[in-house]
Amino acid sequence: MPQMSPLSWLTLFMYFVTIFFMINSLNYFSFLYPMKYTKKKQMFLNFNWKW
């Protein structure tokens, strides 16, 4: 029905896009991964070359 159409479709589109980006950014930044601290052990391979 034409009476129910929004004043501007571009405004409505921008409204939904901003809500979409806000929800995505809140979901992305609200979740925190646990920090992993791992020490890398250096492996020294000692080869005894006997000629």
PDB file of N, CA and C in Angstrom:
ATOM      1  N   MET A   1       0.832  -1.179   0.000  1.00  0.00           N
ATOM      2  CA  MET A   1       0.000   0.000   0.000  1.00  0.00           C
ATOM      3  C   MET A   1       0.880   1.246   0.000  1.00  0.00           C
ATOM      4  N   PRO A   2       0.586   2.180  -0.834  1.00  0.00           N
ATOM      5  CA  PRO A   2       1.456   3.359  -0.923  1.00  0.00           C
ATOM      6  C   PRO A   2       1.447   4.220   0.334  1.00  0.00           C
ATOM      7  N   GLN A   3       0.387   4.144   1.119  1.00  0.00           N
ATOM      8  CA  GLN A   3       0.339   4.969   2.326  1.00  0.00           C
ATOM      9  C   GLN A   3       1.340   4.488   3.367  1.00  0.00           C
ATOM     10  N   MET A   4       1.701   3.222   3.282  1.00  0.00           N
ATOM     11  CA  MET A   4       2.596   2.659   4.286  1.00  0.00           C
ATOM     12  C   MET A   4       4.067   2.723   3.878  1.00  0.00           C
ATOM     13  N   SER A   5       4.345   3.207   2.711  1.00  0.00           N
ATOM     14  CA  SER A   5       5.737   3.236   2.258  1.00  0.00           C
ATOM     15  C   SER A   5       6.525   4.292   3.034  1.00  0.00           C
ATOM     16  N   PRO A   6       7.788   4.052   3.286  1.00  0.00           N
ATOM     17  CA  PRO A   6       8.586   5.037   4.010  1.00  0.00           C
ATOM     18  C   PRO A   6       8.834   6.270   3.149  1.00  0.00           C
ATOM     19  N   LEU A   7       9.217   7.335   3.790  1.00  0.00           N
ATOM     20  CA  LEU A   7       9.447   8.582   3.052  1.00  0.00           C
ATOM     21  C   LEU A   7      10.602   8.447   2.084  1.00  0.00           C
ATOM     22  N   SER A   8      11.584   7.714   2.495  1.00  0.00           N
ATOM     23  CA  SER A   8      12.724   7.526   1.605  1.00  0.00           C
ATOM     24  C   SER A   8      13.289   6.129   1.823  1.00  0.00           C
ATOM     25  N   TRP A   9      13.372   5.371   0.747  1.00  0.00           N
ATOM     26  CA  TRP A   9      13.889   4.011   0.854  1.00  0.00           C
ATOM     27  C   TRP A   9      15.372   4.021   1.194  1.00  0.00           C
ATOM     28  N   LEU A  10      16.060   5.031   0.754  1.00  0.00           N
ATOM     29  CA  LEU A  10      17.482   5.122   1.075  1.00  0.00           C
ATOM     30  C   LEU A  10      17.694   5.345   2.571  1.00  0.00           C
ATOM     31  N   THR A  11      16.859   6.132   3.180  1.00  0.00           N
ATOM     32  CA  THR A  11      16.949   6.349   4.625  1.00  0.00           C
ATOM     33  C   THR A  11      16.681   5.061   5.388  1.00  0.00           C
ATOM     34  N   LEU A  12      15.693   4.340   4.948  1.00  0.00           N
ATOM     35  CA  LEU A  12      15.389   3.068   5.595  1.00  0.00           C
ATOM     36  C   LEU A  12      16.534   2.078   5.417  1.00  0.00           C
ATOM     37  N   PHE A  13      17.101   2.036   4.238  1.00  0.00           N
ATOM     38  CA  PHE A  13      18.234   1.148   3.984  1.00  0.00           C
ATOM     39  C   PHE A  13      19.423   1.513   4.864  1.00  0.00           C
ATOM     40  N   MET A  14      19.721   2.789   4.964  1.00  0.00           N
ATOM     41  CA  MET A  14      20.843   3.219   5.802  1.00  0.00           C
ATOM     42  C   MET A  14      20.581   2.916   7.275  1.00  0.00           C
ATOM     43  N   TYR A  15      19.360   3.017   7.679  1.00  0.00           N
ATOM     44  CA  TYR A  15      19.000   2.695   9.051  1.00  0.00           C
ATOM     45  C   TYR A  15      19.301   1.225   9.348  1.00  0.00           C
ATOM     46  N   PHE A  16      18.858   0.334   8.484  1.00  0.00           N
ATOM     47  CA  PHE A  16      19.101  -1.090   8.712  1.00  0.00           C
ATOM     48  C   PHE A  16      20.576  -1.459   8.571  1.00  0.00           C
ATOM     49  N   VAL A  17      21.274  -0.812   7.689  1.00  0.00           N
ATOM     50  CA  VAL A  17      22.704  -1.095   7.538  1.00  0.00           C
ATOM     51  C   VAL A  17      23.467  -0.665   8.781  1.00  0.00           C
ATOM     52  N   THR A  18      23.145   0.494   9.327  1.00  0.00           N
ATOM     53  CA  THR A  18      23.835   0.924  10.547  1.00  0.00           C
ATOM     54  C   THR A  18      23.513   0.016  11.723  1.00  0.00           C
ATOM     55  N   ILE A  19      22.281  -0.437  11.818  1.00  0.00           N
ATOM     56  CA  ILE A  19      21.941  -1.383  12.890  1.00  0.00           C
ATOM     57  C   ILE A  19      22.696  -2.698  12.700  1.00  0.00           C
ATOM     58  N   PHE A  20      22.781  -3.140  11.471  1.00  0.00           N
ATOM     59  CA  PHE A  20      23.515  -4.372  11.178  1.00  0.00           C
ATOM     60  C   PHE A  20      24.988  -4.254  11.582  1.00  0.00           C
ATOM     61  N   PHE A  21      25.624  -3.146  11.206  1.00  0.00           N
ATOM     62  CA  PHE A  21      27.036  -2.963  11.560  1.00  0.00           C
ATOM     63  C   PHE A  21      27.236  -2.784  13.054  1.00  0.00           C
ATOM     64  N   MET A  22      26.320  -2.148  13.701  1.00  0.00           N
ATOM     65  CA  MET A  22      26.440  -1.985  15.152  1.00  0.00           C
ATOM     66  C   MET A  22      26.334  -3.329  15.870  1.00  0.00           C
ATOM     67  N   ILE A  23      25.394  -4.148  15.443  1.00  0.00           N
ATOM     68  CA  ILE A  23      25.242  -5.465  16.074  1.00  0.00           C
ATOM     69  C   ILE A  23      26.472  -6.331  15.810  1.00  0.00           C
ATOM     70  N   ASN A  24      26.977  -6.289  14.577  1.00  0.00           N
ATOM     71  CA  ASN A  24      28.169  -7.082  14.265  1.00  0.00           C
ATOM     72  C   ASN A  24      29.388  -6.605  15.031  1.00  0.00           C
ATOM     73  N   SER A  25      29.562  -5.321  15.154  1.00  0.00           N
ATOM     74  CA  SER A  25      30.722  -4.813  15.882  1.00  0.00           C
ATOM     75  C   SER A  25      30.606  -5.120  17.371  1.00  0.00           C
ATOM     76  N   LEU A  26      29.405  -5.035  17.921  1.00  0.00           N
ATOM     77  CA  LEU A  26      29.230  -5.395  19.331  1.00  0.00           C
ATOM     78  C   LEU A  26      29.517  -6.866  19.564  1.00  0.00           C
ATOM     79  N   ASN A  27      29.088  -7.709  18.662  1.00  0.00           N
ATOM     80  CA  ASN A  27      29.376  -9.136  18.811  1.00  0.00           C
ATOM     81  C   ASN A  27      30.864  -9.422  18.664  1.00  0.00           C
ATOM     82  N   TYR A  28      31.515  -8.717  17.761  1.00  0.00           N
ATOM     83  CA  TYR A  28      32.929  -8.971  17.532  1.00  0.00           C
ATOM     84  C   TYR A  28      33.777  -8.507  18.713  1.00  0.00           C
ATOM     85  N   PHE A  29      33.500  -7.332  19.232  1.00  0.00           N
ATOM     86  CA  PHE A  29      34.347  -6.779  20.279  1.00  0.00           C
ATOM     87  C   PHE A  29      33.938  -7.215  21.679  1.00  0.00           C
ATOM     88  N   SER A  30      32.791  -7.796  21.840  1.00  0.00           N
ATOM     89  CA  SER A  30      32.381  -8.202  23.182  1.00  0.00           C
ATOM     90  C   SER A  30      32.951  -9.564  23.563  1.00  0.00           C
ATOM     91  N   PHE A  31      33.278 -10.386  22.581  1.00  0.00           N
ATOM     92  CA  PHE A  31      33.808 -11.717  22.876  1.00  0.00           C
ATOM     93  C   PHE A  31      35.320 -11.648  23.009  1.00  0.00           C
ATOM     94  N   LEU A  32      35.837 -12.122  24.136  1.00  0.00           N
ATOM     95  CA  LEU A  32      37.284 -12.093  24.365  1.00  0.00           C
ATOM     96  C   LEU A  32      37.823 -13.515  24.382  1.00  0.00           C
ATOM     97  N   TYR A  33      38.799 -13.729  23.556  1.00  0.00           N
ATOM     98  CA  TYR A  33      39.459 -15.024  23.568  1.00  0.00           C
ATOM     99  C   TYR A  33      40.400 -15.105  24.759  1.00  0.00           C
ATOM    100  N   PRO A  34      40.555 -16.274  25.364  1.00  0.00           N
ATOM    101  CA  PRO A  34      41.532 -16.402  26.448  1.00  0.00           C
ATOM    102  C   PRO A  34      42.949 -16.296  25.883  1.00  0.00           C
ATOM    103  N   MET A  35      43.767 -15.596  26.617  1.00  0.00           N
ATOM    104  CA  MET A  35      45.132 -15.389  26.152  1.00  0.00           C
ATOM    105  C   MET A  35      45.948 -16.657  26.377  1.00  0.00           C
ATOM    106  N   LYS A  36      46.725 -16.990  25.376  1.00  0.00           N
ATOM    107  CA  LYS A  36      47.576 -18.171  25.468  1.00  0.00           C
ATOM    108  C   LYS A  36      49.021 -17.712  25.497  1.00  0.00           C
ATOM    109  N   TYR A  37      49.688 -18.087  26.542  1.00  0.00           N
ATOM    110  CA  TYR A  37      51.107 -17.792  26.624  1.00  0.00           C
ATOM    111  C   TYR A  37      51.861 -19.110  26.524  1.00  0.00           C
ATOM    112  N   THR A  38      52.478 -19.311  25.417  1.00  0.00           N
ATOM    113  CA  THR A  38      53.233 -20.543  25.239  1.00  0.00           C
ATOM    114  C   THR A  38      54.691 -20.187  24.993  1.00  0.00           C
ATOM    115  N   LYS A  39      55.526 -20.884  25.675  1.00  0.00           N
ATOM    116  CA  LYS A  39      56.951 -20.707  25.448  1.00  0.00           C
ATOM    117  C   LYS A  39      57.404 -21.729  24.427  1.00  0.00           C
ATOM    118  N   LYS A  40      58.108 -21.249  23.476  1.00  0.00           N
ATOM    119  CA  LYS A  40      58.634 -22.164  22.478  1.00  0.00           C
ATOM    120  C   LYS A  40      59.966 -22.706  22.980  1.00  0.00           C
ATOM    121  N   LYS A  41      60.025 -23.984  23.040  1.00  0.00           N
ATOM    122  CA  LYS A  41      61.279 -24.610  23.446  1.00  0.00           C
ATOM    123  C   LYS A  41      62.127 -24.837  22.213  1.00  0.00           C
ATOM    124  N   GLN A  42      63.345 -24.365  22.302  1.00  0.00           N
ATOM    125  CA  GLN A  42      64.249 -24.586  21.188  1.00  0.00           C
ATOM    126  C   GLN A  42      64.894 -25.956  21.348  1.00  0.00           C
ATOM    127  N   MET A  43      64.804 -26.684  20.313  1.00  0.00           N
ATOM    128  CA  MET A  43      65.391 -28.017  20.351  1.00  0.00           C
ATOM    129  C   MET A  43      66.755 -27.957  19.672  1.00  0.00           C
ATOM    130  N   PHE A  44      67.739 -28.336  20.428  1.00  0.00           N
ATOM    131  CA  PHE A  44      69.091 -28.382  19.890  1.00  0.00           C
ATOM    132  C   PHE A  44      69.428 -29.826  19.576  1.00  0.00           C
ATOM    133  N   LEU A  45      69.695 -30.056  18.333  1.00  0.00           N
ATOM    134  CA  LEU A  45      70.080 -31.399  17.930  1.00  0.00           C
ATOM    135  C   LEU A  45      71.604 -31.443  17.828  1.00  0.00           C
ATOM    136  N   ASN A  46      72.174 -32.245  18.677  1.00  0.00           N
ATOM    137  CA  ASN A  46      73.621 -32.390  18.652  1.00  0.00           C
ATOM    138  C   ASN A  46      73.961 -33.683  17.927  1.00  0.00           C
ATOM    139  N   PHE A  47      74.614 -33.497  16.801  1.00  0.00           N
ATOM    140  CA  PHE A  47      75.047 -34.673  16.060  1.00  0.00           C
ATOM    141  C   PHE A  47      76.548 -34.854  16.268  1.00  0.00           C
ATOM    142  N   ASN A  48      76.918 -36.050  16.632  1.00  0.00           N
ATOM    143  CA  ASN A  48      78.335 -36.379  16.766  1.00  0.00           C
ATOM    144  C   ASN A  48      78.772 -37.047  15.478  1.00  0.00           C
ATOM    145  N   TRP A  49      79.450 -36.297  14.662  1.00  0.00           N
ATOM    146  CA  TRP A  49      79.917 -36.846  13.410  1.00  0.00           C
ATOM    147  C   TRP A  49      81.262 -37.506  13.630  1.00  0.00           C
ATOM    148  N   LYS A  50      81.291 -38.760  13.372  1.00  0.00           N
ATOM    149  CA  LYS A  50      82.541 -39.492  13.533  1.00  0.00           C
ATOM    150  C   LYS A  50      83.009 -39.931  12.153  1.00  0.00           C
ATOM    151  N   TRP A  51      84.038 -39.272  11.675  1.00  0.00           N
ATOM    152  CA  TRP A  51      84.537 -39.572  10.328  1.00  0.00           C
ATOM    153  C   TRP A  51      85.472 -40.724  10.376  1.00  0.00           C
TER     154      TRP A  51
END
